[in-house]
Amino acid sequence: MVANPRANVNQAGPNLESLGLKSPMEVIDILGMLKIDGDPVIKDDKAFLDPRVKAKEVMEYFMKNFNVNPKELPHLASVVKHEMKRGLKA
């Protein structure tokens, strides 16, 4: 029996290009620089220097505070990016 290569397509997450994003790290960078209700997503400045620590802090913040699954973060980052672009054009 041959496994269907498309069977687990959604397990990798969404297509970043279709969301207007260039890389997984762009998702982390966009969400990491946010302040939500005056509270920064990344509290430790040293986390900005280490990509793994930064990604971990961003994922933990959104999971803990908003119950957002890591696979949903690209959608959120895409919305933030598009809103930032719209704000710059207005």
N, C-alpha and C. Protein backbone atom coordinates (compact mmCIF):
# COMPACT_ATOMS: atom_id res chain seq x y z
N MET A 1 0.84 -1.17 0.00
CA MET A 1 0.00 0.00 0.00
C MET A 1 0.89 1.24 0.00
N VAL A 2 0.61 2.17 -0.89
CA VAL A 2 1.39 3.39 -1.02
C VAL A 2 0.67 4.51 -0.26
N ALA A 3 1.43 5.22 0.55
CA ALA A 3 0.84 6.32 1.31
C ALA A 3 0.60 7.52 0.40
N ASN A 4 -0.48 8.20 0.63
CA ASN A 4 -0.80 9.40 -0.15
C ASN A 4 0.05 10.56 0.36
N PRO A 5 0.92 11.14 -0.50
CA PRO A 5 1.78 12.23 -0.03
C PRO A 5 1.02 13.50 0.35
N ARG A 6 -0.20 13.65 -0.11
CA ARG A 6 -0.99 14.83 0.22
C ARG A 6 -1.87 14.63 1.45
N ALA A 7 -1.83 13.47 2.03
CA ALA A 7 -2.70 13.17 3.16
C ALA A 7 -2.41 14.05 4.37
N ASN A 8 -1.16 14.40 4.59
CA ASN A 8 -0.80 15.18 5.78
C ASN A 8 -0.37 16.60 5.42
N VAL A 9 -0.93 17.17 4.38
CA VAL A 9 -0.55 18.50 3.94
C VAL A 9 -0.80 19.54 5.03
N ASN A 10 -1.91 19.47 5.71
CA ASN A 10 -2.26 20.48 6.71
C ASN A 10 -1.45 20.38 7.99
N GLN A 11 -0.74 19.28 8.19
CA GLN A 11 0.05 19.15 9.40
C GLN A 11 1.27 20.07 9.38
N ALA A 12 1.69 20.52 8.20
CA ALA A 12 2.84 21.41 8.10
C ALA A 12 2.45 22.85 8.37
N GLY A 13 1.18 23.15 8.42
CA GLY A 13 0.73 24.52 8.63
C GLY A 13 0.34 25.17 7.32
N PRO A 14 -0.08 26.42 7.38
CA PRO A 14 -0.55 27.11 6.18
C PRO A 14 0.60 27.49 5.25
N ASN A 15 0.25 27.76 4.01
CA ASN A 15 1.22 28.22 3.03
C ASN A 15 1.54 29.68 3.34
N LEU A 16 2.77 29.95 3.72
CA LEU A 16 3.14 31.31 4.14
C LEU A 16 3.07 32.30 2.99
N GLU A 17 3.46 31.88 1.79
CA GLU A 17 3.42 32.79 0.64
C GLU A 17 2.00 33.26 0.35
N SER A 18 1.05 32.37 0.48
CA SER A 18 -0.34 32.76 0.21
C SER A 18 -0.86 33.74 1.26
N LEU A 19 -0.22 33.77 2.42
CA LEU A 19 -0.60 34.72 3.47
C LEU A 19 0.19 36.02 3.38
N GLY A 20 1.10 36.11 2.41
CA GLY A 20 1.90 37.32 2.25
C GLY A 20 3.12 37.37 3.15
N LEU A 21 3.53 36.21 3.63
CA LEU A 21 4.70 36.13 4.52
C LEU A 21 5.84 35.42 3.80
N LYS A 22 7.06 35.77 4.17
CA LYS A 22 8.23 35.24 3.47
C LYS A 22 8.84 34.02 4.15
N SER A 23 8.75 33.94 5.47
CA SER A 23 9.40 32.84 6.18
C SER A 23 8.73 32.63 7.54
N PRO A 24 8.97 31.47 8.14
CA PRO A 24 8.44 31.25 9.49
C PRO A 24 9.00 32.25 10.50
N MET A 25 10.24 32.68 10.29
CA MET A 25 10.83 33.64 11.23
C MET A 25 10.17 35.00 11.12
N GLU A 26 9.64 35.34 9.95
CA GLU A 26 8.92 36.61 9.80
C GLU A 26 7.67 36.60 10.69
N VAL A 27 7.02 35.45 10.79
CA VAL A 27 5.85 35.32 11.67
C VAL A 27 6.25 35.66 13.11
N ILE A 28 7.34 35.07 13.56
CA ILE A 28 7.81 35.30 14.93
C ILE A 28 8.24 36.75 15.11
N ASP A 29 8.93 37.32 14.12
CA ASP A 29 9.39 38.71 14.22
C ASP A 29 8.22 39.68 14.33
N ILE A 30 7.20 39.48 13.50
CA ILE A 30 6.04 40.38 13.51
C ILE A 30 5.32 40.30 14.85
N LEU A 31 5.05 39.09 15.31
CA LEU A 31 4.31 38.93 16.55
C LEU A 31 5.16 39.29 17.77
N GLY A 32 6.46 39.10 17.68
CA GLY A 32 7.35 39.38 18.80
C GLY A 32 7.50 40.85 19.11
N MET A 33 7.27 41.71 18.12
CA MET A 33 7.45 43.14 18.38
C MET A 33 6.16 43.82 18.84
N LEU A 34 5.09 43.07 18.99
CA LEU A 34 3.82 43.65 19.42
C LEU A 34 3.79 43.94 20.91
N LYS A 35 2.98 44.92 21.26
CA LYS A 35 2.57 45.16 22.65
C LYS A 35 1.06 45.02 22.67
N ILE A 36 0.57 44.19 23.55
CA ILE A 36 -0.86 43.95 23.65
C ILE A 36 -1.31 44.42 25.02
N ASP A 37 -2.21 45.39 25.03
CA ASP A 37 -2.67 46.02 26.27
C ASP A 37 -1.49 46.55 27.09
N GLY A 38 -0.50 47.11 26.40
CA GLY A 38 0.67 47.68 27.06
C GLY A 38 1.69 46.67 27.52
N ASP A 39 1.42 45.40 27.30
CA ASP A 39 2.30 44.31 27.74
C ASP A 39 3.06 43.77 26.52
N PRO A 40 4.40 43.84 26.51
CA PRO A 40 5.13 43.32 25.35
C PRO A 40 5.04 41.80 25.27
N VAL A 41 4.98 41.30 24.06
CA VAL A 41 4.93 39.85 23.86
C VAL A 41 6.23 39.23 24.36
N ILE A 42 7.36 39.85 24.04
CA ILE A 42 8.67 39.38 24.51
C ILE A 42 9.15 40.34 25.58
N LYS A 43 9.29 39.83 26.78
CA LYS A 43 9.66 40.67 27.92
C LYS A 43 11.17 40.77 28.11
N ASP A 44 11.90 39.73 27.73
CA ASP A 44 13.35 39.70 27.91
C ASP A 44 14.04 40.14 26.63
N ASP A 45 14.79 41.23 26.69
CA ASP A 45 15.46 41.76 25.50
C ASP A 45 16.46 40.77 24.91
N LYS A 46 17.03 39.91 25.73
CA LYS A 46 17.99 38.93 25.23
C LYS A 46 17.33 37.92 24.30
N ALA A 47 16.04 37.73 24.44
CA ALA A 47 15.32 36.78 23.59
C ALA A 47 15.33 37.22 22.13
N PHE A 48 15.45 38.52 21.89
CA PHE A 48 15.50 39.00 20.51
C PHE A 48 16.75 38.54 19.79
N LEU A 49 17.80 38.21 20.52
CA LEU A 49 19.06 37.80 19.92
C LEU A 49 19.10 36.32 19.56
N ASP A 50 18.32 35.51 20.22
CA ASP A 50 18.30 34.07 19.97
C ASP A 50 16.97 33.68 19.33
N PRO A 51 16.98 33.28 18.06
CA PRO A 51 15.72 32.97 17.36
C PRO A 51 14.89 31.88 18.03
N ARG A 52 15.55 30.89 18.61
CA ARG A 52 14.79 29.80 19.25
C ARG A 52 14.07 30.29 20.50
N VAL A 53 14.76 31.09 21.28
CA VAL A 53 14.14 31.63 22.50
C VAL A 53 13.01 32.58 22.13
N LYS A 54 13.24 33.40 21.11
CA LYS A 54 12.21 34.34 20.67
C LYS A 54 10.96 33.58 20.21
N ALA A 55 11.16 32.55 19.40
CA ALA A 55 10.02 31.75 18.91
C ALA A 55 9.29 31.09 20.07
N LYS A 56 10.03 30.56 21.02
CA LYS A 56 9.42 29.90 22.18
C LYS A 56 8.59 30.89 22.99
N GLU A 57 9.13 32.09 23.23
CA GLU A 57 8.40 33.09 24.02
C GLU A 57 7.13 33.55 23.31
N VAL A 58 7.22 33.75 22.00
CA VAL A 58 6.04 34.19 21.24
C VAL A 58 4.96 33.11 21.29
N MET A 59 5.34 31.86 21.04
CA MET A 59 4.35 30.78 21.05
C MET A 59 3.73 30.61 22.43
N GLU A 60 4.55 30.67 23.47
CA GLU A 60 4.04 30.54 24.83
C GLU A 60 3.10 31.69 25.19
N TYR A 61 3.45 32.90 24.80
CA TYR A 61 2.62 34.07 25.11
C TYR A 61 1.22 33.92 24.51
N PHE A 62 1.16 33.58 23.22
CA PHE A 62 -0.15 33.50 22.57
C PHE A 62 -0.94 32.27 23.02
N MET A 63 -0.26 31.19 23.37
CA MET A 63 -0.96 30.01 23.87
C MET A 63 -1.52 30.28 25.27
N LYS A 64 -0.71 30.91 26.12
CA LYS A 64 -1.11 31.16 27.51
C LYS A 64 -2.21 32.21 27.60
N ASN A 65 -2.05 33.32 26.89
CA ASN A 65 -2.98 34.44 27.05
C ASN A 65 -4.21 34.37 26.16
N PHE A 66 -4.09 33.74 25.00
CA PHE A 66 -5.21 33.76 24.05
C PHE A 66 -5.60 32.37 23.55
N ASN A 67 -4.94 31.33 24.05
CA ASN A 67 -5.20 29.95 23.64
C ASN A 67 -5.11 29.80 22.11
N VAL A 68 -4.09 30.43 21.52
CA VAL A 68 -3.86 30.36 20.08
C VAL A 68 -2.82 29.29 19.81
N ASN A 69 -3.21 28.31 19.01
CA ASN A 69 -2.34 27.21 18.61
C ASN A 69 -1.20 27.75 17.75
N PRO A 70 0.03 27.23 17.87
CA PRO A 70 1.13 27.71 17.03
C PRO A 70 0.86 27.65 15.53
N LYS A 71 0.04 26.71 15.07
CA LYS A 71 -0.28 26.64 13.64
C LYS A 71 -1.16 27.80 13.19
N GLU A 72 -1.80 28.48 14.13
CA GLU A 72 -2.66 29.62 13.80
C GLU A 72 -1.90 30.94 13.79
N LEU A 73 -0.68 30.95 14.31
CA LEU A 73 0.10 32.19 14.39
C LEU A 73 0.39 32.83 13.03
N PRO A 74 0.66 32.05 11.96
CA PRO A 74 0.87 32.70 10.66
C PRO A 74 -0.33 33.52 10.20
N HIS A 75 -1.54 33.05 10.48
CA HIS A 75 -2.74 33.81 10.10
C HIS A 75 -2.79 35.13 10.86
N LEU A 76 -2.49 35.09 12.14
CA LEU A 76 -2.47 36.30 12.96
C LEU A 76 -1.39 37.27 12.48
N ALA A 77 -0.21 36.75 12.19
CA ALA A 77 0.89 37.61 11.71
C ALA A 77 0.54 38.23 10.36
N SER A 78 -0.16 37.49 9.52
CA SER A 78 -0.56 38.00 8.22
C SER A 78 -1.52 39.18 8.37
N VAL A 79 -2.47 39.05 9.27
CA VAL A 79 -3.42 40.14 9.52
C VAL A 79 -2.69 41.37 10.05
N VAL A 80 -1.77 41.17 10.98
CA VAL A 80 -1.00 42.28 11.55
C VAL A 80 -0.19 42.96 10.46
N LYS A 81 0.46 42.16 9.61
CA LYS A 81 1.30 42.73 8.54
C LYS A 81 0.46 43.55 7.56
N HIS A 82 -0.69 43.02 7.17
CA HIS A 82 -1.55 43.74 6.23
C HIS A 82 -2.10 45.02 6.85
N GLU A 83 -2.45 44.99 8.13
CA GLU A 83 -2.94 46.19 8.81
C GLU A 83 -1.83 47.24 8.93
N MET A 84 -0.60 46.79 9.17
CA MET A 84 0.52 47.73 9.24
C MET A 84 0.74 48.39 7.88
N LYS A 85 0.65 47.62 6.81
CA LYS A 85 0.81 48.18 5.47
C LYS A 85 -0.30 49.17 5.15
N ARG A 86 -1.53 48.83 5.51
CA ARG A 86 -2.66 49.74 5.27
C ARG A 86 -2.49 51.03 6.04
N GLY A 87 -1.99 50.93 7.26
CA GLY A 87 -1.78 52.11 8.09
C GLY A 87 -0.72 53.03 7.53
N LEU A 88 0.29 52.46 6.88
CA LEU A 88 1.35 53.27 6.30
C LEU A 88 0.88 53.99 5.04
N LYS A 89 -0.07 53.41 4.32
CA LYS A 89 -0.56 54.01 3.08
C LYS A 89 -1.60 55.09 3.33
N ALA A 90 -2.29 55.01 4.46
CA ALA A 90 -3.38 55.94 4.74
C ALA A 90 -2.91 57.33 5.07
